[in-house]
Amino acid sequence: MLDNALKVSNILNKKIDVEVVNARFQKPIDEKMFKDILKKYKNIYVYEEQMKVNSLGSYLVNYANEKGYKGNIKVLGIPDKFVKQGKKGELLEYLELDPDSVAKVIKKDFK
């Protein structure tokens, strides 16, 4: 999803200052990186190609709560429901996880 995240960044950089952080591994958790992210950003979007339940995003939300984070975190991932089968690009569009859909979500939050 890194390529898609960079596409989202390119779409948004015209109007919204964003930074893509590559969390290459879900485990082991890089707590120093998470601490730095929580200190630096007021709005965090975790864009991942896995179920939202028990994902890196859900871990980050729990971690942020434990640390008293006061910003906003939105996990953009696969909902906990049956997903039809198909080609990856088609499924990302269906789930609104393609770069254009994700950029729209973020733009809406910044209006």
C-alpha atoms as a PDB file:
ATOM      1  CA  MET A   1       0.000   0.000   0.000  1.00  0.00           C
ATOM      2  CA  LEU A   2       3.017   2.297   0.147  1.00  0.00           C
ATOM      3  CA  ASP A   3       2.659   3.148  -3.549  1.00  0.00           C
ATOM      4  CA  ASN A   4      -1.017   4.002  -2.998  1.00  0.00           C
ATOM      5  CA  ALA A   5      -0.161   6.091   0.077  1.00  0.00           C
ATOM      6  CA  LEU A   6       2.345   8.064  -1.991  1.00  0.00           C
ATOM      7  CA  LYS A   7      -0.343   8.624  -4.642  1.00  0.00           C
ATOM      8  CA  VAL A   8      -2.678   9.928  -1.923  1.00  0.00           C
ATOM      9  CA  SER A   9       0.099  12.225  -0.739  1.00  0.00           C
ATOM     10  CA  ASN A  10       0.622  13.564  -4.253  1.00  0.00           C
ATOM     11  CA  ILE A  11      -3.107  14.251  -4.608  1.00  0.00           C
ATOM     12  CA  LEU A  12      -3.251  16.033  -1.234  1.00  0.00           C
ATOM     13  CA  ASN A  13       0.004  17.960  -1.378  1.00  0.00           C
ATOM     14  CA  LYS A  14      -1.695  20.435  -3.647  1.00  0.00           C
ATOM     15  CA  LYS A  15      -3.826  21.602  -0.696  1.00  0.00           C
ATOM     16  CA  ILE A  16      -2.902  19.709   2.487  1.00  0.00           C
ATOM     17  CA  ASP A  17       0.585  19.190   3.903  1.00  0.00           C
ATOM     18  CA  VAL A  18       1.000  15.456   4.497  1.00  0.00           C
ATOM     19  CA  GLU A  19       3.786  13.047   5.305  1.00  0.00           C
ATOM     20  CA  VAL A  20       3.801   9.321   4.540  1.00  0.00           C
ATOM     21  CA  VAL A  21       5.342   7.144   7.234  1.00  0.00           C
ATOM     22  CA  ASN A  22       6.156   3.611   6.103  1.00  0.00           C
ATOM     23  CA  ALA A  23       5.328   1.228   8.930  1.00  0.00           C
ATOM     24  CA  ARG A  24       6.787  -1.762   7.122  1.00  0.00           C
ATOM     25  CA  PHE A  25       6.090  -4.256   9.888  1.00  0.00           C
ATOM     26  CA  GLN A  26       3.146  -4.741  12.217  1.00  0.00           C
ATOM     27  CA  LYS A  27       5.289  -6.726  14.623  1.00  0.00           C
ATOM     28  CA  PRO A  28       7.526  -6.019  16.384  1.00  0.00           C
ATOM     29  CA  ILE A  29       5.971  -2.648  17.137  1.00  0.00           C
ATOM     30  CA  ASP A  30       8.319   0.316  16.773  1.00  0.00           C
ATOM     31  CA  GLU A  31       7.245   2.197  19.905  1.00  0.00           C
ATOM     32  CA  LYS A  32       9.770   4.996  19.383  1.00  0.00           C
ATOM     33  CA  MET A  33       8.314   5.676  15.932  1.00  0.00           C
ATOM     34  CA  PHE A  34       4.773   5.713  17.363  1.00  0.00           C
ATOM     35  CA  LYS A  35       5.780   8.101  20.145  1.00  0.00           C
ATOM     36  CA  ASP A  36       7.355  10.437  17.593  1.00  0.00           C
ATOM     37  CA  ILE A  37       4.253  10.303  15.379  1.00  0.00           C
ATOM     38  CA  LEU A  38       1.953  11.083  18.316  1.00  0.00           C
ATOM     39  CA  LYS A  39       4.095  14.068  19.317  1.00  0.00           C
ATOM     40  CA  LYS A  40       4.352  15.452  15.787  1.00  0.00           C
ATOM     41  CA  TYR A  41       0.846  15.062  14.328  1.00  0.00           C
ATOM     42  CA  LYS A  42      -2.630  16.222  15.303  1.00  0.00           C
ATOM     43  CA  ASN A  43      -4.337  14.147  12.580  1.00  0.00           C
ATOM     44  CA  ILE A  44      -3.172  10.617  11.837  1.00  0.00           C
ATOM     45  CA  TYR A  45      -4.518   8.367   9.095  1.00  0.00           C
ATOM     46  CA  VAL A  46      -3.533   4.705   9.124  1.00  0.00           C
ATOM     47  CA  TYR A  47      -4.000   3.427   5.570  1.00  0.00           C
ATOM     48  CA  GLU A  48      -3.713  -0.327   5.408  1.00  0.00           C
ATOM     49  CA  GLU A  49      -4.759  -3.277   3.322  1.00  0.00           C
ATOM     50  CA  GLN A  50      -6.027  -5.491   6.102  1.00  0.00           C
ATOM     51  CA  MET A  51      -9.020  -5.800   8.375  1.00  0.00           C
ATOM     52  CA  LYS A  52      -9.398  -2.855  10.739  1.00  0.00           C
ATOM     53  CA  VAL A  53      -9.924  -5.289  13.622  1.00  0.00           C
ATOM     54  CA  ASN A  54      -6.586  -6.311  15.189  1.00  0.00           C
ATOM     55  CA  SER A  55      -4.639  -4.285  12.654  1.00  0.00           C
ATOM     56  CA  LEU A  56      -1.719  -1.923  12.983  1.00  0.00           C
ATOM     57  CA  GLY A  57      -4.278   0.887  13.072  1.00  0.00           C
ATOM     58  CA  SER A  58      -6.204  -0.625  15.965  1.00  0.00           C
ATOM     59  CA  TYR A  59      -2.924  -1.114  17.826  1.00  0.00           C
ATOM     60  CA  LEU A  60      -1.976   2.523  17.240  1.00  0.00           C
ATOM     61  CA  VAL A  61      -5.381   3.732  18.477  1.00  0.00           C
ATOM     62  CA  ASN A  62      -4.994   1.682  21.679  1.00  0.00           C
ATOM     63  CA  TYR A  63      -1.405   2.838  22.132  1.00  0.00           C
ATOM     64  CA  ALA A  64      -2.421   6.483  21.605  1.00  0.00           C
ATOM     65  CA  ASN A  65      -5.222   6.165  24.177  1.00  0.00           C
ATOM     66  CA  GLU A  66      -2.806   4.711  26.722  1.00  0.00           C
ATOM     67  CA  LYS A  67      -0.447   7.662  26.136  1.00  0.00           C
ATOM     68  CA  GLY A  68      -3.239  10.254  26.459  1.00  0.00           C
ATOM     69  CA  TYR A  69      -3.074  11.379  22.823  1.00  0.00           C
ATOM     70  CA  LYS A  70      -5.568  14.183  22.168  1.00  0.00           C
ATOM     71  CA  GLY A  71      -5.448  14.253  18.364  1.00  0.00           C
ATOM     72  CA  ASN A  72      -7.510  12.413  15.768  1.00  0.00           C
ATOM     73  CA  ILE A  73      -6.732   8.960  14.410  1.00  0.00           C
ATOM     74  CA  LYS A  74      -8.671   7.428  11.536  1.00  0.00           C
ATOM     75  CA  VAL A  75      -8.014   3.862  10.421  1.00  0.00           C
ATOM     76  CA  LEU A  76      -8.654   3.324   6.727  1.00  0.00           C
ATOM     77  CA  GLY A  77      -8.768  -0.420   6.168  1.00  0.00           C
ATOM     78  CA  ILE A  78     -11.028  -3.325   5.319  1.00  0.00           C
ATOM     79  CA  PRO A  79     -14.256  -3.366   7.356  1.00  0.00           C
ATOM     80  CA  ASP A  80     -15.133  -6.437   9.409  1.00  0.00           C
ATOM     81  CA  LYS A  81     -17.594  -7.853   6.879  1.00  0.00           C
ATOM     82  CA  PHE A  82     -17.634 -10.217   3.923  1.00  0.00           C
ATOM     83  CA  VAL A  83     -15.853  -8.717   0.924  1.00  0.00           C
ATOM     84  CA  LYS A  84     -16.579  -9.955  -2.574  1.00  0.00           C
ATOM     85  CA  GLN A  85     -13.781 -11.418  -4.659  1.00  0.00           C
ATOM     86  CA  GLY A  86     -12.137  -9.605  -7.525  1.00  0.00           C
ATOM     87  CA  LYS A  87      -9.025  -7.901  -8.799  1.00  0.00           C
ATOM     88  CA  LYS A  88      -7.111  -5.851  -6.263  1.00  0.00           C
ATOM     89  CA  GLY A  89      -7.767  -2.482  -7.910  1.00  0.00           C
ATOM     90  CA  GLU A  90     -11.493  -3.192  -8.220  1.00  0.00           C
ATOM     91  CA  LEU A  91     -11.720  -4.261  -4.592  1.00  0.00           C
ATOM     92  CA  LEU A  92      -9.859  -1.185  -3.369  1.00  0.00           C
ATOM     93  CA  GLU A  93     -12.351   0.996  -5.254  1.00  0.00           C
ATOM     94  CA  TYR A  94     -15.303  -1.028  -3.907  1.00  0.00           C
ATOM     95  CA  LEU A  95     -13.966  -0.598  -0.351  1.00  0.00           C
ATOM     96  CA  GLU A  96     -13.124   3.070  -0.998  1.00  0.00           C
ATOM     97  CA  LEU A  97      -9.471   2.350  -0.264  1.00  0.00           C
ATOM     98  CA  ASP A  98      -8.133   3.448  -3.656  1.00  0.00           C
ATOM     99  CA  PRO A  99      -5.981   6.623  -3.629  1.00  0.00           C
ATOM    100  CA  ASP A 100      -8.722   8.935  -4.920  1.00  0.00           C
ATOM    101  CA  SER A 101     -11.260   7.743  -2.320  1.00  0.00           C
ATOM    102  CA  VAL A 102      -8.769   8.014   0.539  1.00  0.00           C
ATOM    103  CA  ALA A 103      -7.767  11.512  -0.577  1.00  0.00           C
ATOM    104  CA  LYS A 104     -11.463  12.521  -0.555  1.00  0.00           C
ATOM    105  CA  VAL A 105     -11.861  11.269   3.035  1.00  0.00           C
ATOM    106  CA  ILE A 106      -8.870  13.289   4.184  1.00  0.00           C
ATOM    107  CA  LYS A 107      -9.910  16.418   2.259  1.00  0.00           C
ATOM    108  CA  LYS A 108     -13.371  16.225   3.819  1.00  0.00           C
ATOM    109  CA  ASP A 109     -11.827  16.111   7.308  1.00  0.00           C
ATOM    110  CA  PHE A 110      -9.837  19.293   6.580  1.00  0.00           C
ATOM    111  CA  LYS A 111     -12.756  21.412   5.325  1.00  0.00           C
END
